[in-house]
């Protein structure tokens, strides 16, 4: 008989997720239910949306281990599964004792949650290994034998479907063996709460600056000159950098100057965004305009938008 999945504590997973993650109520509930019932899950969404943080919390709540695998073109079946120690093989031949387990075998044996990031960057031959595990909860390793999955083993994979650079097509067979949960950027109040949580302490910028950082980051996602915007990580870095830079410049860390804020925004965001092809502006110019557009509005005539063409979305 093939090994079967055991039940995980859905309520414990959900409680841990709520304590660790801002928002994500629906995603937390669906993921907890899927994992508790023995299902594998495919997460789809942009980076920086809390997928890894949520999964770590769910694993903690279930009382199981967490194995993280970074998906890329170098992730061969051997790196995923493991290998025999060559030096020992020369003297001992192939023996179970000289097998060095990879993250997949470790997760199968211990009943951990195996999380594979950037699944659409993984080579096809490595995906086929995962497909076999999804189908049978069992792995056949040459010269080692069969590795059965412990009852608590689960497989979760993630991918960013909007990223077409260096990625491949995911076979329908993988979707057919998984539940799918879509992730998007969180709401503005939730992202502000994330930034506030990440910058707690007496020496950080005040709430008004944090709110402006979140507004600028969110503006990058809809700007006409940008194909890819920043995640909330950009706002976290912007706030932290602005506070530190203000201290170096003998400014109040709670109230960085306009120049300091602009410098921090360029450093935190220009590497996270991508220009559309054919844009006549540099990425520095776009980020500078977005930051300026999110600044305090001057007292101009009532009913007009004093930021004009440099308002968010128009920068």
Protein backbone atom coordinates (compact mmCIF):
# COMPACT_ATOMS: atom_id res chain seq x y z
CA UNK A 1 0.00 0.00 0.00
CA UNK A 2 1.11 3.55 -0.68
CA UNK A 3 1.74 5.76 2.36
CA UNK A 4 -1.13 8.06 3.24
CA UNK A 5 -1.20 11.55 4.64
CA UNK A 6 -2.16 12.03 8.24
CA UNK A 7 -4.21 14.87 9.71
CA UNK A 8 -2.57 18.12 10.84
CA UNK A 9 -4.12 20.48 13.45
CA UNK A 10 -5.93 23.09 11.38
CA UNK A 11 -6.84 25.28 14.36
CA UNK A 12 -3.27 25.29 15.69
CA UNK A 13 -1.94 26.27 12.26
CA UNK A 14 -4.49 29.05 11.90
CA UNK A 15 -3.79 30.49 15.35
CA UNK A 16 -0.04 30.55 14.62
CA UNK A 17 -0.62 32.23 11.26
CA UNK A 18 -2.80 34.95 12.76
CA UNK A 19 -0.14 35.72 15.36
CA UNK A 20 2.66 35.98 12.79
CA UNK A 21 1.06 37.51 9.69
CA UNK A 22 -0.77 40.79 9.12
CA UNK A 23 -4.06 40.14 7.33
CA UNK A 24 -4.17 37.17 4.95
CA UNK A 25 -7.31 35.81 6.68
CA UNK A 26 -8.71 33.92 3.69
CA UNK A 27 -5.34 32.62 2.50
CA UNK A 28 -4.48 31.43 6.03
CA UNK A 29 -7.77 29.59 6.42
CA UNK A 30 -7.62 27.92 3.01
CA UNK A 31 -3.99 26.90 3.42
CA UNK A 32 -4.55 25.53 6.92
CA UNK A 33 -7.54 23.53 5.71
CA UNK A 34 -5.67 22.18 2.68
CA UNK A 35 -2.61 21.12 4.66
CA UNK A 36 -4.69 19.67 7.47
CA UNK A 37 -6.54 17.46 4.98
CA UNK A 38 -3.35 16.13 3.41
CA UNK A 39 -3.32 18.22 0.23
CA UNK A 40 -0.32 19.73 -1.50
CA UNK A 41 -0.61 23.38 -2.51
CA UNK A 42 0.66 25.66 -5.28
CA UNK A 43 0.90 29.35 -4.37
CA UNK A 44 0.83 31.93 -7.14
CA UNK A 45 1.65 35.58 -6.68
CA UNK A 46 4.35 38.26 -6.71
CA UNK A 47 7.34 38.17 -4.35
CA UNK A 48 7.17 39.98 -1.04
CA UNK A 49 3.55 39.07 -0.30
CA UNK A 50 4.19 37.03 2.86
CA UNK A 51 4.07 33.49 1.46
CA UNK A 52 7.19 32.21 3.24
CA UNK A 53 6.31 33.92 6.53
CA UNK A 54 2.83 32.41 6.42
CA UNK A 55 4.09 28.91 5.66
CA UNK A 56 6.68 29.03 8.44
CA UNK A 57 3.92 30.00 10.86
CA UNK A 58 1.68 27.17 9.63
CA UNK A 59 4.50 24.65 10.08
CA UNK A 60 5.12 25.94 13.61
CA UNK A 61 1.42 25.71 14.40
CA UNK A 62 1.32 22.13 13.12
CA UNK A 63 4.42 21.18 15.09
CA UNK A 64 6.31 19.97 12.00
CA UNK A 65 9.63 20.93 10.44
CA UNK A 66 10.11 23.35 7.58
CA UNK A 67 12.44 22.66 4.62
CA UNK A 68 12.96 25.60 2.25
CA UNK A 69 14.21 24.99 -1.28
CA UNK A 70 15.10 27.90 -3.58
CA UNK A 71 14.01 26.97 -7.08
CA UNK A 72 16.41 27.80 -9.90
CA UNK A 73 17.95 26.30 -13.02
CA UNK A 74 20.70 24.67 -10.89
CA UNK A 75 18.26 22.65 -8.80
CA UNK A 76 19.04 19.20 -10.18
CA UNK A 77 17.35 16.00 -8.98
CA UNK A 78 20.55 15.15 -7.10
CA UNK A 79 20.53 18.44 -5.18
CA UNK A 80 16.87 17.96 -4.30
CA UNK A 81 17.00 14.28 -3.39
CA UNK A 82 20.55 13.78 -2.13
CA UNK A 83 23.61 11.75 -3.06
CA UNK A 84 26.00 9.10 -1.82
CA UNK A 85 29.26 10.36 -0.32
CA UNK A 86 31.75 9.63 -3.11
CA UNK A 87 34.74 9.23 -0.81
CA UNK A 88 32.91 6.66 1.31
CA UNK A 89 31.54 4.83 -1.71
CA UNK A 90 35.11 4.19 -2.90
CA UNK A 91 35.88 2.31 0.30
CA UNK A 92 32.47 1.04 1.43
CA UNK A 93 30.50 0.68 -1.82
CA UNK A 94 26.92 2.04 -1.93
CA UNK A 95 25.38 1.75 1.52
CA UNK A 96 22.44 3.53 3.20
CA UNK A 97 24.88 4.88 5.79
CA UNK A 98 26.84 6.91 3.25
CA UNK A 99 23.82 8.54 1.64
CA UNK A 100 23.68 12.32 2.20
CA UNK A 101 19.98 13.28 2.14
CA UNK A 102 18.79 16.36 0.29
CA UNK A 103 15.85 18.52 1.42
CA UNK A 104 13.24 16.27 -0.21
CA UNK A 105 14.43 13.09 1.55
CA UNK A 106 14.84 14.97 4.85
CA UNK A 107 11.28 16.29 4.60
CA UNK A 108 9.85 12.88 3.62
CA UNK A 109 11.53 11.09 6.50
CA UNK A 110 10.81 13.70 9.18
CA UNK A 111 7.31 14.62 8.02
CA UNK A 112 8.23 18.25 7.44
CA UNK A 113 6.62 20.84 5.21
CA UNK A 114 8.74 21.10 2.04
CA UNK A 115 8.47 24.56 0.46
CA UNK A 116 9.84 25.00 -3.07
CA UNK A 117 10.13 28.63 -4.15
CA UNK A 118 10.16 29.80 -7.79
CA UNK A 119 8.82 26.50 -9.06
CA UNK A 120 8.68 27.72 -12.67
CA UNK A 121 12.48 28.11 -12.63
CA UNK A 122 13.06 24.45 -11.74
CA UNK A 123 14.32 22.13 -14.53
CA UNK A 124 11.83 19.67 -15.99
CA UNK A 125 13.67 16.57 -14.76
CA UNK A 126 13.50 17.92 -11.18
CA UNK A 127 9.80 18.70 -11.55
CA UNK A 128 9.25 15.09 -12.58
CA UNK A 129 10.73 13.95 -9.27
CA UNK A 130 8.24 16.15 -7.42
CA UNK A 131 5.38 14.85 -9.54
CA UNK A 132 6.20 11.30 -8.51
CA UNK A 133 6.14 12.28 -4.84
CA UNK A 134 2.84 14.10 -5.29
CA UNK A 135 1.29 11.03 -6.90
CA UNK A 136 2.54 8.33 -4.52
CA UNK A 137 3.95 10.03 -1.39
CA UNK A 138 6.92 7.80 -2.09
CA UNK A 139 10.33 8.31 -3.64
CA UNK A 140 12.50 5.69 -5.32
CA UNK A 141 16.19 6.53 -4.92
CA UNK A 142 18.73 4.52 -6.95
CA UNK A 143 21.07 2.42 -4.76
CA UNK A 144 19.19 3.52 -1.64
CA UNK A 145 15.70 2.12 -2.06
CA UNK A 146 12.25 3.46 -1.38
CA UNK A 147 11.66 6.43 0.90
CA UNK A 148 8.07 6.64 2.13
CA UNK A 149 6.61 9.94 3.27
CA UNK A 150 5.87 10.31 6.95
CA UNK A 151 2.21 11.03 7.69
CA UNK A 152 2.78 14.76 8.27
CA UNK A 153 4.80 15.40 5.10
CA UNK A 154 3.35 18.11 2.85
CA UNK A 155 4.63 19.79 -0.33
CA UNK A 156 3.98 23.47 -1.04
CA UNK A 157 5.40 25.22 -4.09
CA UNK A 158 5.28 28.88 -5.12
CA UNK A 159 5.72 30.77 -8.36
CA UNK A 160 5.30 34.25 -9.80
CA UNK A 161 3.31 33.77 -13.03
CA UNK A 162 3.97 37.35 -14.17
CA UNK A 163 7.75 36.82 -14.25
CA UNK A 164 8.69 35.45 -17.66
CA UNK A 165 12.49 35.81 -17.41
CA UNK A 166 14.29 32.49 -17.00
CA UNK A 167 11.09 30.59 -16.30
CA UNK A 168 9.41 27.60 -17.88
CA UNK A 169 5.91 26.30 -18.34
CA UNK A 170 4.39 24.31 -15.48
CA UNK A 171 2.84 21.05 -16.62
CA UNK A 172 -0.92 20.64 -16.09
CA UNK A 173 -0.14 17.38 -14.28
CA UNK A 174 1.28 19.38 -11.39
CA UNK A 175 -1.81 21.59 -11.16
CA UNK A 176 -3.94 18.44 -11.25
CA UNK A 177 -2.18 17.12 -8.15
CA UNK A 178 -2.32 20.34 -6.11
CA UNK A 179 -4.70 22.90 -4.72
CA UNK A 180 -3.99 26.46 -5.89
CA UNK A 181 -4.04 29.60 -3.74
CA UNK A 182 -3.54 33.02 -5.33
CA UNK A 183 -1.69 35.81 -3.51
CA UNK A 184 -1.72 39.53 -4.30
CA UNK A 185 -0.35 42.58 -2.55
CA UNK A 186 -2.12 43.39 0.68
CA UNK A 187 -4.30 46.44 1.27
CA UNK A 188 -2.79 49.83 2.12
CA UNK A 189 -3.77 49.62 5.83
CA UNK A 190 -2.29 46.12 6.06
CA UNK A 191 0.96 47.19 4.41
CA UNK A 192 1.15 50.17 6.77
CA UNK A 193 0.71 47.77 9.70
CA UNK A 194 3.54 45.61 8.33
CA UNK A 195 5.83 48.64 8.09
CA UNK A 196 4.85 49.79 11.58
CA UNK A 197 5.59 46.31 12.95
CA UNK A 198 8.94 46.23 11.18
CA UNK A 199 10.05 49.66 12.40
CA UNK A 200 8.93 49.56 16.02
CA UNK A 201 11.12 51.53 18.38
CA UNK A 202 11.81 55.09 19.50
CA UNK A 203 14.29 55.93 16.74
CA UNK A 204 12.20 55.27 13.63
CA UNK A 205 10.30 57.70 11.38
CA UNK A 206 6.84 58.72 12.50
CA UNK A 207 3.59 57.32 11.12
CA UNK A 208 3.25 60.08 8.52
CA UNK A 209 6.57 59.13 6.94
CA UNK A 210 5.72 55.41 7.06
CA UNK A 211 2.39 56.14 5.40
CA UNK A 212 4.16 58.11 2.66
CA UNK A 213 6.59 55.22 2.10
CA UNK A 214 3.71 52.79 1.66
CA UNK A 215 1.95 55.20 -0.71
CA UNK A 216 5.09 55.54 -2.83
CA UNK A 217 5.59 51.78 -3.00
CA UNK A 218 1.98 51.19 -4.00
CA UNK A 219 2.31 53.87 -6.68
CA UNK A 220 5.14 51.90 -8.32
CA UNK A 221 2.70 49.06 -9.09
CA UNK A 222 0.47 51.16 -11.33
CA UNK A 223 2.95 53.67 -12.77
CA UNK A 224 2.84 53.82 -16.60
CA UNK A 225 6.65 53.79 -16.87
CA UNK A 226 7.03 50.67 -14.73
CA UNK A 227 6.37 47.08 -15.77
CA UNK A 228 7.04 45.71 -12.28
CA UNK A 229 6.49 47.54 -9.02
CA UNK A 230 7.87 47.03 -5.54
CA UNK A 231 6.58 44.83 -2.76
CA UNK A 232 6.06 46.07 0.78
CA UNK A 233 9.70 45.13 1.43
CA UNK A 234 10.58 48.33 -0.42
CA UNK A 235 8.64 50.38 2.13
CA UNK A 236 10.32 48.54 5.01
CA UNK A 237 13.77 49.29 3.60
CA UNK A 238 12.86 52.87 2.74
CA UNK A 239 11.73 53.63 6.28
CA UNK A 240 14.74 51.94 7.90
CA UNK A 241 17.22 53.61 5.55
CA UNK A 242 15.64 57.06 5.91
CA UNK A 243 15.85 56.85 9.70
CA UNK A 244 19.50 55.78 9.66
CA UNK A 245 20.41 58.34 7.01
CA UNK A 246 18.68 61.12 8.95
CA UNK A 247 20.77 60.29 12.02
CA UNK A 248 23.96 60.49 9.97
CA UNK A 249 22.91 63.89 8.67
CA UNK A 250 22.08 65.24 12.14
CA UNK A 251 18.35 65.26 11.36
CA UNK A 252 15.56 64.00 13.58
CA UNK A 253 15.13 60.29 12.74
CA UNK A 254 11.37 60.65 13.17
CA UNK A 255 11.23 63.42 10.55
CA UNK A 256 13.74 62.86 7.73
CA UNK A 257 14.16 65.81 5.39
CA UNK A 258 12.80 65.78 1.84
CA UNK A 259 16.29 65.22 0.46
CA UNK A 260 16.94 62.33 2.85
CA UNK A 261 13.60 60.75 2.02
CA UNK A 262 14.29 61.02 -1.70
CA UNK A 263 17.75 59.49 -1.33
CA UNK A 264 16.30 56.63 0.71
CA UNK A 265 13.51 56.07 -1.81
CA UNK A 266 15.96 55.81 -4.71
CA UNK A 267 18.17 53.37 -2.81
CA UNK A 268 15.26 51.23 -1.59
CA UNK A 269 13.12 51.15 -4.74
CA UNK A 270 15.16 51.53 -7.94
CA UNK A 271 16.47 47.97 -7.73
CA UNK A 272 13.01 46.56 -7.06
CA UNK A 273 11.13 48.06 -10.00
CA UNK A 274 11.46 47.43 -13.73
CA UNK A 275 10.97 50.00 -16.48
CA UNK A 276 8.69 49.26 -19.41
CA UNK A 277 10.49 48.84 -22.70
CA UNK A 278 10.84 52.12 -24.56
CA UNK A 279 10.49 54.36 -21.52
CA UNK A 280 12.18 57.72 -22.03
CA UNK A 281 12.95 58.10 -18.31
CA UNK A 282 15.52 56.43 -16.10
CA UNK A 283 14.42 54.40 -13.13
CA UNK A 284 15.93 57.02 -10.83
CA UNK A 285 13.84 59.73 -12.48
CA UNK A 286 10.65 57.70 -12.12
CA UNK A 287 11.22 56.88 -8.45
CA UNK A 288 12.19 60.50 -7.70
CA UNK A 289 8.99 61.72 -9.31
CA UNK A 290 6.88 59.21 -7.40
CA UNK A 291 8.48 60.25 -4.11
CA UNK A 292 7.93 63.93 -4.84
CA UNK A 293 4.31 63.24 -5.79
CA UNK A 294 3.60 61.62 -2.43
CA UNK A 295 4.82 64.64 -0.44
CA UNK A 296 2.65 67.06 1.53
CA UNK A 297 0.37 69.13 -0.66
CA UNK A 298 0.97 72.89 -0.62
CA UNK A 299 -1.94 75.15 0.20
CA UNK A 300 -3.08 76.01 -3.30
CA UNK A 301 -6.47 76.94 -4.61
CA UNK A 302 -9.33 74.83 -3.30
CA UNK A 303 -10.61 72.15 -5.63
CA UNK A 304 -7.32 71.81 -7.55
CA UNK A 305 -4.69 69.11 -7.29
CA UNK A 306 -1.50 71.04 -6.53
CA UNK A 307 0.63 68.01 -7.41
CA UNK A 308 -0.64 68.15 -10.99
CA UNK A 309 1.20 65.82 -13.36
CA UNK A 310 3.36 64.52 -10.55
CA UNK A 311 0.47 63.09 -8.52
CA UNK A 312 0.71 59.35 -7.78
CA UNK A 313 -0.01 57.47 -10.98
CA UNK A 314 1.00 60.52 -13.03
CA UNK A 315 4.59 60.91 -11.92
